[in-house]
Amino acid sequence: MIICVDIGNTCIDLGIFKEGKIIKTYLFNTSLTKTGDEYYLSFNSLLNDNIDIKDIEAIYIASVVPSITRRIARALEKVFKVSPTLLSRHLKSGIRIKIDHPQELGQDLLCAGAAIKKMNLAPALIIDLGTATKFIVVDKNEDLVGCIIYPGVKVSFDALAEKAAQLMDISFEKPESVIGKNTVASLNSGAVNGTIALITGLAKMIQDELGYPLNKIITGGYSNILKGLLPSSYLFDHHLVLKGLFDIYDRNR
């Protein structure tokens, strides 16, 4: 079994693969202040879920939070007795990076692009709804050619609630109508319908710029709020980054 770990700014997504398929996934909160021992206790709880240490062959980590990456890697090694491999530009990803400064590309975006290549979905637009909302473009040559980064839906509305005294936190529920009749409904419509308009509008602009249609894949921690609300042509794959990270493991073993 292979453990793949995606360390994001909000959550740590951990997946266990067996024979190339995800068989278990776990989600942990990302904390810059949590100690290595505290992360060890979190990961050690996985052993209560019938996971045998002897079955773990490798651990691959992708991270956009460098300050805690090695802390988490040491905690995982302490639990599973396997030295993790940290994703780097020296590993084969199977996808060409055609941007101005490849070293700036987030590891989660690289993994998402690798997954698209593996799944034969290019040309594609990946919409990753996480702490930031990211639009990653893989062109018809299977090259990752750029992205758009926009404030994440929760980050945006948390900031709004903090600055506006009469507004409150919202739960991102499906709105009953576009026009809200009260504060919560109005905020929900802004969050959900506003995100839909952002996605469909930018997708059209990107396709117009490239001159051809793209497969569109939704992923990320907040992707579930849009299930059933986007056109049927949009695909949903919550574990796209983990799948791409596994493919990178597979190419480098």
Protein backbone atom coordinates (compact mmCIF):
# COMPACT_ATOMS: atom_id res chain seq x y z
CA MET A 1 0.00 0.00 0.00
CA ILE A 2 1.11 3.55 -0.76
CA ILE A 3 0.32 6.60 1.34
CA CYS A 4 -0.08 9.91 -0.52
CA VAL A 5 -0.35 13.13 1.47
CA ASP A 6 -1.47 16.54 0.18
CA ILE A 7 -0.60 19.26 2.71
CA GLY A 8 -2.74 22.32 2.04
CA ASN A 9 -3.16 25.60 3.87
CA THR A 10 -6.42 24.50 5.47
CA CYS A 11 -6.41 20.69 5.44
CA ILE A 12 -4.10 17.71 5.11
CA ASP A 13 -5.61 15.16 2.74
CA LEU A 14 -4.19 11.65 3.20
CA GLY A 15 -5.03 8.78 0.89
CA ILE A 16 -4.07 5.11 1.00
CA PHE A 17 -3.68 3.37 -2.35
CA LYS A 18 -3.74 -0.36 -3.00
CA GLU A 19 -3.08 -1.73 -6.47
CA GLY A 20 -3.38 1.80 -7.86
CA LYS A 21 -6.80 2.56 -6.33
CA ILE A 22 -7.71 4.75 -3.37
CA ILE A 23 -9.09 2.52 -0.64
CA LYS A 24 -9.15 4.96 2.30
CA THR A 25 -8.95 8.72 2.74
CA TYR A 26 -8.52 10.85 5.84
CA LEU A 27 -8.67 14.59 6.47
CA PHE A 28 -6.75 16.49 9.15
CA ASN A 29 -6.67 20.20 9.96
CA THR A 30 -3.50 22.02 8.99
CA SER A 31 -1.98 23.86 11.94
CA LEU A 32 1.25 25.83 11.90
CA THR A 33 1.47 25.62 15.70
CA LYS A 34 0.86 21.90 16.11
CA THR A 35 3.98 20.08 17.25
CA GLY A 36 5.49 17.01 15.63
CA ASP A 37 4.24 14.92 18.55
CA GLU A 38 0.70 16.21 18.04
CA TYR A 39 0.85 15.32 14.34
CA TYR A 40 2.23 11.92 15.34
CA LEU A 41 -0.80 11.30 17.56
CA SER A 42 -3.14 12.31 14.72
CA PHE A 43 -1.52 9.96 12.22
CA ASN A 44 -1.11 7.19 14.77
CA SER A 45 -4.91 7.06 15.07
CA LEU A 46 -4.97 5.56 11.55
CA LEU A 47 -3.57 2.33 12.98
CA ASN A 48 -6.94 1.84 14.70
CA ASP A 49 -8.49 1.50 11.22
CA ASN A 50 -6.98 -1.91 10.42
CA ILE A 51 -3.92 -0.49 8.67
CA ASP A 52 -0.91 -2.79 9.02
CA ILE A 53 2.42 -0.96 9.08
CA LYS A 54 4.06 -3.88 7.27
CA ASP A 55 1.85 -3.23 4.23
CA ILE A 56 3.06 0.35 3.70
CA GLU A 57 5.62 0.42 0.87
CA ALA A 58 6.11 4.17 0.35
CA ILE A 59 4.89 7.59 1.45
CA TYR A 60 4.77 10.53 -0.99
CA ILE A 61 4.11 14.08 0.20
CA ALA A 62 3.06 17.16 -1.79
CA SER A 63 2.94 20.38 0.21
CA VAL A 64 2.23 24.08 -0.22
CA VAL A 65 3.10 24.77 3.44
CA PRO A 66 6.93 24.43 3.60
CA SER A 67 7.21 25.46 7.25
CA ILE A 68 5.51 22.28 8.50
CA THR A 69 6.35 19.81 5.74
CA ARG A 70 9.33 18.16 7.42
CA ARG A 71 7.56 18.14 10.77
CA ILE A 72 4.73 16.16 9.21
CA ALA A 73 7.14 13.93 7.29
CA ARG A 74 8.94 12.97 10.51
CA ALA A 75 5.63 12.24 12.23
CA LEU A 76 4.55 9.97 9.36
CA GLU A 77 7.90 8.17 9.40
CA LYS A 78 7.60 7.64 13.15
CA VAL A 79 4.15 6.05 12.70
CA PHE A 80 4.66 3.97 9.56
CA LYS A 81 8.41 3.24 9.74
CA VAL A 82 8.88 4.39 6.13
CA SER A 83 10.93 7.44 5.09
CA PRO A 84 8.63 9.76 3.09
CA THR A 85 9.56 11.16 -0.32
CA LEU A 86 8.93 14.89 -0.63
CA LEU A 87 7.71 15.99 -4.04
CA SER A 88 10.31 18.04 -5.91
CA ARG A 89 11.10 19.19 -9.44
CA HIS A 90 13.68 16.40 -9.67
CA LEU A 91 10.96 13.74 -9.78
CA LYS A 92 9.34 12.70 -13.05
CA SER A 93 5.79 14.03 -13.26
CA GLY A 94 4.90 13.07 -16.84
CA ILE A 95 3.70 16.58 -17.66
CA ARG A 96 5.58 19.53 -19.16
CA ILE A 97 5.36 22.85 -17.31
CA LYS A 98 5.10 25.77 -19.75
CA ILE A 99 4.94 28.80 -17.46
CA ASP A 100 7.35 31.69 -16.91
CA HIS A 101 8.77 30.45 -13.61
CA PRO A 102 8.18 26.68 -13.20
CA GLN A 103 9.68 26.72 -9.71
CA GLU A 104 6.73 28.86 -8.57
CA LEU A 105 4.14 26.22 -9.46
CA GLY A 106 2.37 24.84 -6.40
CA GLN A 107 2.88 21.14 -5.83
CA ASP A 108 -0.86 20.57 -5.65
CA LEU A 109 -1.24 22.11 -9.12
CA LEU A 110 1.52 19.89 -10.47
CA CYS A 111 -0.21 16.80 -9.07
CA ALA A 112 -3.55 17.86 -10.54
CA GLY A 113 -1.92 18.28 -13.94
CA ALA A 114 -0.23 14.88 -13.65
CA ALA A 115 -3.61 13.29 -12.90
CA ILE A 116 -5.14 14.85 -16.03
CA LYS A 117 -2.30 13.44 -18.14
CA LYS A 118 -2.72 9.97 -16.59
CA MET A 119 -6.49 10.02 -17.09
CA ASN A 120 -6.23 11.17 -20.73
CA LEU A 121 -8.48 14.17 -20.08
CA ALA A 122 -6.39 16.85 -21.83
CA PRO A 123 -7.15 19.47 -22.95
CA ALA A 124 -8.59 20.30 -19.56
CA LEU A 125 -9.42 23.02 -17.09
CA ILE A 126 -9.05 21.98 -13.46
CA ILE A 127 -10.99 24.11 -10.97
CA ASP A 128 -9.60 23.51 -7.47
CA LEU A 129 -11.86 24.95 -4.76
CA GLY A 130 -9.69 25.18 -1.66
CA THR A 131 -8.22 27.95 0.47
CA ALA A 132 -7.73 29.63 -2.90
CA THR A 133 -9.83 28.97 -5.99
CA LYS A 134 -7.42 27.88 -8.70
CA PHE A 135 -7.99 27.35 -12.43
CA ILE A 136 -5.25 25.15 -13.91
CA VAL A 137 -5.01 24.85 -17.69
CA VAL A 138 -3.64 21.75 -19.45
CA ASP A 139 -3.65 22.36 -23.21
CA LYS A 140 -4.20 20.01 -26.15
CA ASN A 141 -0.48 19.14 -26.14
CA GLU A 142 -0.84 17.92 -22.53
CA ASP A 143 1.29 20.83 -21.30
CA LEU A 144 0.42 22.74 -18.13
CA VAL A 145 0.36 26.26 -19.56
CA GLY A 146 -0.82 28.43 -16.69
CA CYS A 147 -3.46 29.13 -14.09
CA ILE A 148 -5.69 31.72 -12.47
CA ILE A 149 -5.70 32.18 -8.69
CA TYR A 150 -8.66 33.77 -6.94
CA PRO A 151 -9.49 34.08 -3.22
CA GLY A 152 -11.23 30.95 -1.96
CA VAL A 153 -14.94 31.11 -1.30
CA LYS A 154 -14.60 30.59 2.47
CA VAL A 155 -11.64 32.97 2.79
CA SER A 156 -13.61 35.66 0.97
CA PHE A 157 -16.71 35.35 3.11
CA ASP A 158 -14.79 34.97 6.37
CA ALA A 159 -13.09 38.28 5.55
CA LEU A 160 -16.45 39.87 4.72
CA ALA A 161 -18.00 38.69 7.99
CA GLU A 162 -15.02 40.07 9.90
CA LYS A 163 -15.26 43.51 8.28
CA ALA A 164 -19.05 43.89 8.17
CA ALA A 165 -20.65 44.05 11.61
CA GLN A 166 -24.13 42.97 10.53
CA LEU A 167 -23.03 39.96 8.47
CA MET A 168 -22.35 36.51 9.86
CA ASP A 169 -20.69 33.23 9.01
CA ILE A 170 -22.55 31.06 6.51
CA SER A 171 -22.72 27.33 5.89
CA PHE A 172 -22.53 27.42 2.06
CA GLU A 173 -25.85 25.67 1.53
CA LYS A 174 -27.63 25.38 -1.80
CA PRO A 175 -29.71 28.58 -2.21
CA GLU A 176 -33.43 28.26 -2.83
CA SER A 177 -33.27 31.20 -5.24
CA VAL A 178 -30.74 33.54 -6.78
CA ILE A 179 -32.26 36.59 -5.06
CA GLY A 180 -31.92 36.26 -1.30
CA LYS A 181 -34.82 37.32 0.94
CA ASN A 182 -32.77 37.53 4.16
CA THR A 183 -29.15 38.01 5.15
CA VAL A 184 -28.21 34.32 5.33
CA ALA A 185 -29.93 33.51 2.01
CA SER A 186 -28.29 36.52 0.39
CA LEU A 187 -24.86 35.47 1.60
CA ASN A 188 -25.43 31.87 0.53
CA SER A 189 -26.47 33.02 -2.93
CA GLY A 190 -23.40 35.20 -3.20
CA ALA A 191 -21.14 32.35 -2.13
CA VAL A 192 -22.67 29.56 -4.23
CA ASN A 193 -24.16 31.36 -7.24
CA GLY A 194 -21.25 33.80 -7.30
CA THR A 195 -18.81 30.88 -7.42
CA ILE A 196 -20.80 29.23 -10.21
CA ALA A 197 -20.75 32.47 -12.22
CA LEU A 198 -17.00 32.83 -11.60
CA ILE A 199 -16.32 29.28 -12.78
CA THR A 200 -18.53 29.31 -15.88
CA GLY A 201 -17.46 32.83 -16.85
CA LEU A 202 -13.72 32.20 -16.55
CA ALA A 203 -14.06 28.79 -18.23
CA LYS A 204 -15.60 30.52 -21.27
CA MET A 205 -12.89 33.19 -21.31
CA ILE A 206 -10.13 30.56 -21.12
CA GLN A 207 -11.67 28.46 -23.91
CA ASP A 208 -12.12 31.57 -26.08
CA GLU A 209 -8.47 32.46 -25.55
CA LEU A 210 -7.24 28.96 -26.42
CA GLY A 211 -9.66 28.56 -29.31
CA TYR A 212 -10.95 25.09 -28.41
CA PRO A 213 -13.14 23.43 -25.75
CA LEU A 214 -11.75 21.91 -22.57
CA ASN A 215 -12.79 19.10 -20.28
CA LYS A 216 -13.68 20.76 -16.99
CA ILE A 217 -12.93 19.02 -13.70
CA ILE A 218 -13.93 20.31 -10.26
CA THR A 219 -11.87 19.28 -7.23
CA GLY A 220 -10.84 20.61 -3.82
CA GLY A 221 -12.26 20.81 -0.33
CA TYR A 222 -15.25 23.03 -1.20
CA SER A 223 -16.19 21.24 -4.43
CA ASN A 224 -19.12 19.44 -2.78
CA ILE A 225 -21.11 22.67 -2.42
CA LEU A 226 -21.46 22.79 -6.21
CA LYS A 227 -22.58 19.19 -6.77
CA GLY A 228 -25.61 19.22 -9.04
CA LEU A 229 -25.44 22.97 -9.60
CA LEU A 230 -23.04 23.16 -12.54
CA PRO A 231 -23.76 21.97 -16.10
CA SER A 232 -23.49 18.21 -16.58
CA SER A 233 -20.35 18.69 -18.67
CA TYR A 234 -18.40 19.50 -15.47
CA LEU A 235 -16.78 16.46 -13.88
CA PHE A 236 -16.16 16.12 -10.14
CA ASP A 237 -13.12 14.35 -8.69
CA HIS A 238 -12.50 15.18 -5.04
CA HIS A 239 -9.22 13.25 -4.93
CA LEU A 240 -7.60 14.50 -8.14
CA VAL A 241 -4.46 15.78 -6.40
CA LEU A 242 -3.92 12.53 -4.51
CA LYS A 243 -4.37 10.55 -7.73
CA GLY A 244 -1.77 12.71 -9.45
CA LEU A 245 0.63 12.29 -6.56
CA PHE A 246 0.22 8.53 -6.76
CA ASP A 247 0.98 8.65 -10.48
CA ILE A 248 4.19 10.57 -9.74
CA TYR A 249 5.13 7.85 -7.24
CA ASP A 250 4.38 5.24 -9.90
CA ARG A 251 6.65 6.99 -12.44
CA ASN A 252 9.57 7.23 -10.01
CA ARG A 253 9.61 3.91 -8.20
